[in-house]
Amino acid sequence: SFSAETIFDEFIELSSFTTINFLDLNLTNVDFDSSFFNDCSFENCNFDTTLFRDASFLNCNFKNCSLKNCNFIKAEFEEIKFDNCFFEKAERGSLSKA
């Protein structure tokens, strides 16, 4: 699991995460382009200007997360649950194109 971290300006694209718990993270300008998330949970995470283009999410849960200016173009979601999450539209890209 990853918890209580702040990550800025990192490239983590083309990564695979399985059964990972992301807790109390602040991720700003992080690039998860073409990454895969399977059976992951995100709780109390803040995503700001995070790139999830072409990412895949399978059986993941988001709880009390804030997603601001995130790019989800061509992202795939299957069996996903969002509980008490806040979304703010990105200037480029949007959840509607996922």
N, C-alpha and C. Protein backbone atom coordinates (compact mmCIF):
# COMPACT_ATOMS: atom_id res chain seq x y z
N SER A 1 0.84 -1.19 0.00
CA SER A 1 0.00 0.00 0.00
C SER A 1 0.87 1.24 0.00
N PHE A 2 0.28 2.33 -0.42
CA PHE A 2 0.92 3.64 -0.38
C PHE A 2 0.07 4.52 0.51
N SER A 3 0.67 5.22 1.47
CA SER A 3 -0.14 6.08 2.33
C SER A 3 0.65 7.32 2.76
N ALA A 4 -0.14 8.39 3.02
CA ALA A 4 0.38 9.65 3.55
C ALA A 4 1.58 10.17 2.77
N GLU A 5 1.46 10.17 1.45
CA GLU A 5 2.54 10.66 0.58
C GLU A 5 2.05 11.85 -0.23
N THR A 6 2.98 12.69 -0.63
CA THR A 6 2.74 13.76 -1.58
C THR A 6 3.70 13.55 -2.73
N ILE A 7 3.14 13.45 -3.93
CA ILE A 7 3.96 13.18 -5.11
C ILE A 7 3.67 14.26 -6.14
N PHE A 8 4.74 14.93 -6.62
CA PHE A 8 4.64 15.99 -7.62
C PHE A 8 5.45 15.64 -8.86
N ASP A 9 4.89 15.99 -10.01
CA ASP A 9 5.63 15.96 -11.28
C ASP A 9 6.38 14.64 -11.52
N GLU A 10 5.69 13.53 -11.39
CA GLU A 10 6.31 12.22 -11.62
C GLU A 10 5.71 11.53 -12.84
N PHE A 11 6.51 10.73 -13.51
CA PHE A 11 6.06 9.93 -14.64
C PHE A 11 6.01 8.47 -14.18
N ILE A 12 4.79 7.93 -14.06
CA ILE A 12 4.60 6.55 -13.62
C ILE A 12 3.79 5.81 -14.69
N GLU A 13 3.92 6.28 -15.93
CA GLU A 13 3.13 5.69 -17.01
C GLU A 13 3.53 4.26 -17.28
N LEU A 14 2.62 3.55 -17.96
CA LEU A 14 2.82 2.15 -18.33
C LEU A 14 3.08 1.23 -17.13
N SER A 15 2.44 1.53 -16.01
CA SER A 15 2.61 0.74 -14.79
C SER A 15 1.38 -0.14 -14.55
N SER A 16 1.57 -1.19 -13.77
CA SER A 16 0.48 -2.08 -13.41
C SER A 16 0.39 -2.17 -11.89
N PHE A 17 -0.81 -1.92 -11.36
CA PHE A 17 -1.04 -1.97 -9.92
C PHE A 17 -2.16 -2.97 -9.64
N THR A 18 -1.89 -3.98 -8.83
CA THR A 18 -2.89 -4.98 -8.48
C THR A 18 -3.00 -5.10 -6.97
N THR A 19 -4.23 -5.01 -6.47
CA THR A 19 -4.54 -5.12 -5.04
C THR A 19 -3.69 -4.17 -4.21
N ILE A 20 -3.68 -2.90 -4.63
CA ILE A 20 -2.92 -1.86 -3.92
C ILE A 20 -3.91 -0.92 -3.24
N ASN A 21 -3.60 -0.51 -2.01
CA ASN A 21 -4.38 0.49 -1.29
C ASN A 21 -3.63 1.81 -1.35
N PHE A 22 -4.30 2.82 -1.88
CA PHE A 22 -3.76 4.17 -1.94
C PHE A 22 -4.53 4.98 -0.89
N LEU A 23 -3.86 5.42 0.18
CA LEU A 23 -4.52 6.07 1.30
C LEU A 23 -3.86 7.42 1.62
N ASP A 24 -4.68 8.47 1.69
CA ASP A 24 -4.22 9.81 2.08
C ASP A 24 -3.08 10.30 1.20
N LEU A 25 -3.22 10.16 -0.11
CA LEU A 25 -2.19 10.61 -1.04
C LEU A 25 -2.58 11.94 -1.66
N ASN A 26 -1.58 12.75 -1.94
CA ASN A 26 -1.73 13.97 -2.72
C ASN A 26 -0.87 13.80 -3.96
N LEU A 27 -1.53 13.73 -5.11
CA LEU A 27 -0.83 13.52 -6.37
C LEU A 27 -1.09 14.71 -7.29
N THR A 28 -0.05 15.47 -7.59
CA THR A 28 -0.18 16.64 -8.44
C THR A 28 0.73 16.50 -9.65
N ASN A 29 0.12 16.64 -10.82
CA ASN A 29 0.83 16.54 -12.08
C ASN A 29 1.59 15.21 -12.21
N VAL A 30 0.89 14.13 -11.90
CA VAL A 30 1.47 12.79 -12.00
C VAL A 30 0.90 12.14 -13.26
N ASP A 31 1.76 11.48 -14.01
CA ASP A 31 1.40 10.88 -15.29
C ASP A 31 1.27 9.36 -15.14
N PHE A 32 0.00 8.86 -15.17
CA PHE A 32 -0.30 7.43 -15.14
C PHE A 32 -0.76 6.96 -16.52
N ASP A 33 -0.31 7.61 -17.57
CA ASP A 33 -0.72 7.29 -18.93
C ASP A 33 -0.54 5.80 -19.21
N SER A 34 -1.59 5.17 -19.72
CA SER A 34 -1.59 3.76 -20.12
C SER A 34 -1.27 2.79 -18.98
N SER A 35 -1.59 3.16 -17.75
CA SER A 35 -1.38 2.28 -16.61
C SER A 35 -2.63 1.43 -16.35
N PHE A 36 -2.45 0.35 -15.59
CA PHE A 36 -3.53 -0.58 -15.29
C PHE A 36 -3.70 -0.70 -13.78
N PHE A 37 -4.94 -0.55 -13.31
CA PHE A 37 -5.27 -0.66 -11.89
C PHE A 37 -6.31 -1.77 -11.74
N ASN A 38 -5.98 -2.82 -10.98
CA ASN A 38 -6.87 -3.95 -10.80
C ASN A 38 -7.05 -4.20 -9.30
N ASP A 39 -8.30 -4.24 -8.84
CA ASP A 39 -8.62 -4.47 -7.42
C ASP A 39 -7.91 -3.50 -6.49
N CYS A 40 -7.86 -2.23 -6.88
CA CYS A 40 -7.20 -1.20 -6.06
C CYS A 40 -8.25 -0.35 -5.34
N SER A 41 -7.85 0.20 -4.21
CA SER A 41 -8.72 1.13 -3.49
C SER A 41 -7.98 2.45 -3.28
N PHE A 42 -8.73 3.53 -3.44
CA PHE A 42 -8.22 4.88 -3.26
C PHE A 42 -9.09 5.54 -2.19
N GLU A 43 -8.49 5.95 -1.08
CA GLU A 43 -9.26 6.59 -0.02
C GLU A 43 -8.57 7.86 0.44
N ASN A 44 -9.37 8.94 0.52
CA ASN A 44 -8.88 10.25 0.94
C ASN A 44 -7.70 10.71 0.09
N CYS A 45 -7.78 10.50 -1.20
CA CYS A 45 -6.71 10.90 -2.12
C CYS A 45 -7.12 12.16 -2.87
N ASN A 46 -6.14 13.02 -3.10
CA ASN A 46 -6.34 14.23 -3.88
C ASN A 46 -5.52 14.13 -5.16
N PHE A 47 -6.22 14.13 -6.28
CA PHE A 47 -5.58 14.09 -7.59
C PHE A 47 -5.76 15.46 -8.23
N ASP A 48 -4.67 16.12 -8.58
CA ASP A 48 -4.74 17.44 -9.22
C ASP A 48 -3.88 17.41 -10.48
N THR A 49 -4.51 17.65 -11.61
CA THR A 49 -3.82 17.64 -12.90
C THR A 49 -3.09 16.31 -13.10
N THR A 50 -3.78 15.24 -12.78
CA THR A 50 -3.24 13.89 -12.92
C THR A 50 -3.68 13.33 -14.26
N LEU A 51 -2.76 12.69 -14.96
CA LEU A 51 -3.04 12.15 -16.28
C LEU A 51 -3.32 10.65 -16.19
N PHE A 52 -4.55 10.27 -16.57
CA PHE A 52 -4.96 8.87 -16.61
C PHE A 52 -5.35 8.47 -18.04
N ARG A 53 -4.80 9.14 -19.03
CA ARG A 53 -5.15 8.86 -20.43
C ARG A 53 -4.80 7.41 -20.76
N ASP A 54 -5.74 6.71 -21.38
CA ASP A 54 -5.58 5.30 -21.78
C ASP A 54 -5.35 4.35 -20.60
N ALA A 55 -5.66 4.79 -19.39
CA ALA A 55 -5.52 3.92 -18.21
C ALA A 55 -6.74 2.99 -18.12
N SER A 56 -6.56 1.86 -17.45
CA SER A 56 -7.65 0.90 -17.24
C SER A 56 -7.85 0.68 -15.74
N PHE A 57 -9.11 0.73 -15.32
CA PHE A 57 -9.48 0.49 -13.93
C PHE A 57 -10.46 -0.67 -13.89
N LEU A 58 -10.11 -1.72 -13.18
CA LEU A 58 -10.97 -2.89 -13.06
C LEU A 58 -11.20 -3.19 -11.57
N ASN A 59 -12.46 -3.20 -11.15
CA ASN A 59 -12.83 -3.52 -9.78
C ASN A 59 -12.09 -2.65 -8.76
N CYS A 60 -12.15 -1.34 -8.96
CA CYS A 60 -11.49 -0.38 -8.06
C CYS A 60 -12.53 0.45 -7.32
N ASN A 61 -12.17 0.92 -6.13
CA ASN A 61 -13.04 1.76 -5.32
C ASN A 61 -12.35 3.08 -5.00
N PHE A 62 -13.10 4.18 -5.15
CA PHE A 62 -12.64 5.51 -4.79
C PHE A 62 -13.55 6.01 -3.68
N LYS A 63 -12.99 6.38 -2.54
CA LYS A 63 -13.78 6.88 -1.42
C LYS A 63 -13.18 8.18 -0.91
N ASN A 64 -14.02 9.20 -0.80
CA ASN A 64 -13.60 10.51 -0.29
C ASN A 64 -12.40 11.06 -1.06
N CYS A 65 -12.44 10.95 -2.38
CA CYS A 65 -11.34 11.44 -3.21
C CYS A 65 -11.75 12.71 -3.94
N SER A 66 -10.76 13.53 -4.23
CA SER A 66 -10.95 14.73 -5.02
C SER A 66 -10.16 14.57 -6.31
N LEU A 67 -10.84 14.73 -7.45
CA LEU A 67 -10.20 14.60 -8.76
C LEU A 67 -10.39 15.92 -9.49
N LYS A 68 -9.34 16.73 -9.50
CA LYS A 68 -9.40 18.07 -10.06
C LYS A 68 -8.48 18.16 -11.28
N ASN A 69 -9.06 18.60 -12.39
CA ASN A 69 -8.30 18.79 -13.63
C ASN A 69 -7.59 17.52 -14.09
N CYS A 70 -8.20 16.38 -13.89
CA CYS A 70 -7.61 15.11 -14.32
C CYS A 70 -8.01 14.79 -15.75
N ASN A 71 -7.13 14.14 -16.46
CA ASN A 71 -7.38 13.77 -17.85
C ASN A 71 -7.66 12.27 -17.91
N PHE A 72 -8.90 11.93 -18.29
CA PHE A 72 -9.33 10.53 -18.39
C PHE A 72 -9.64 10.13 -19.84
N ILE A 73 -9.11 10.85 -20.81
CA ILE A 73 -9.42 10.54 -22.20
C ILE A 73 -8.98 9.11 -22.51
N LYS A 74 -9.91 8.36 -23.09
CA LYS A 74 -9.73 6.95 -23.47
C LYS A 74 -9.48 6.02 -22.29
N ALA A 75 -9.75 6.47 -21.07
CA ALA A 75 -9.62 5.60 -19.90
C ALA A 75 -10.80 4.61 -19.90
N GLU A 76 -10.57 3.43 -19.36
CA GLU A 76 -11.61 2.40 -19.29
C GLU A 76 -11.92 2.09 -17.83
N PHE A 77 -13.22 2.02 -17.51
CA PHE A 77 -13.68 1.73 -16.16
C PHE A 77 -14.60 0.52 -16.20
N GLU A 78 -14.33 -0.47 -15.34
CA GLU A 78 -15.20 -1.64 -15.24
C GLU A 78 -15.30 -2.03 -13.76
N GLU A 79 -16.53 -2.16 -13.27
CA GLU A 79 -16.77 -2.53 -11.87
C GLU A 79 -16.12 -1.51 -10.90
N ILE A 80 -16.41 -0.23 -11.11
CA ILE A 80 -15.81 0.86 -10.32
C ILE A 80 -16.87 1.46 -9.41
N LYS A 81 -16.44 1.84 -8.20
CA LYS A 81 -17.35 2.50 -7.27
C LYS A 81 -16.71 3.82 -6.82
N PHE A 82 -17.48 4.91 -6.95
CA PHE A 82 -17.08 6.22 -6.45
C PHE A 82 -18.00 6.55 -5.29
N ASP A 83 -17.46 6.76 -4.10
CA ASP A 83 -18.24 7.07 -2.91
C ASP A 83 -17.76 8.39 -2.33
N ASN A 84 -18.65 9.37 -2.34
CA ASN A 84 -18.36 10.69 -1.78
C ASN A 84 -17.11 11.33 -2.42
N CYS A 85 -17.05 11.30 -3.74
CA CYS A 85 -15.91 11.87 -4.47
C CYS A 85 -16.30 13.20 -5.12
N PHE A 86 -15.31 14.05 -5.30
CA PHE A 86 -15.50 15.36 -5.91
C PHE A 86 -14.75 15.39 -7.24
N PHE A 87 -15.46 15.77 -8.30
CA PHE A 87 -14.85 15.87 -9.63
C PHE A 87 -14.92 17.33 -10.08
N GLU A 88 -13.80 17.83 -10.58
CA GLU A 88 -13.79 19.15 -11.21
C GLU A 88 -13.25 18.98 -12.61
N LYS A 89 -13.98 19.48 -13.59
CA LYS A 89 -13.63 19.28 -14.99
C LYS A 89 -12.24 19.82 -15.32
N ALA A 90 -11.53 19.05 -16.11
CA ALA A 90 -10.20 19.45 -16.59
C ALA A 90 -10.36 20.43 -17.74
N GLU A 91 -9.36 21.28 -17.90
CA GLU A 91 -9.35 22.19 -19.03
C GLU A 91 -9.22 21.43 -20.33
N ARG A 92 -8.40 20.35 -20.32
CA ARG A 92 -8.24 19.50 -21.50
C ARG A 92 -8.61 18.08 -21.10
N GLY A 93 -9.57 17.53 -21.80
CA GLY A 93 -10.00 16.17 -21.48
C GLY A 93 -11.04 16.18 -20.38
N SER A 94 -11.79 15.11 -20.32
CA SER A 94 -12.82 15.03 -19.29
C SER A 94 -13.21 13.57 -19.07
N LEU A 95 -13.92 13.35 -18.00
CA LEU A 95 -14.43 12.02 -17.70
C LEU A 95 -15.44 11.56 -18.75
N SER A 96 -16.13 12.52 -19.37
CA SER A 96 -17.14 12.15 -20.36
C SER A 96 -16.53 11.47 -21.59
N LYS A 97 -15.25 11.63 -21.84
CA LYS A 97 -14.59 10.99 -22.98
C LYS A 97 -13.94 9.68 -22.59
N ALA A 98 -14.14 9.24 -21.35
CA ALA A 98 -13.57 7.97 -20.90
C ALA A 98 -14.41 6.82 -21.40
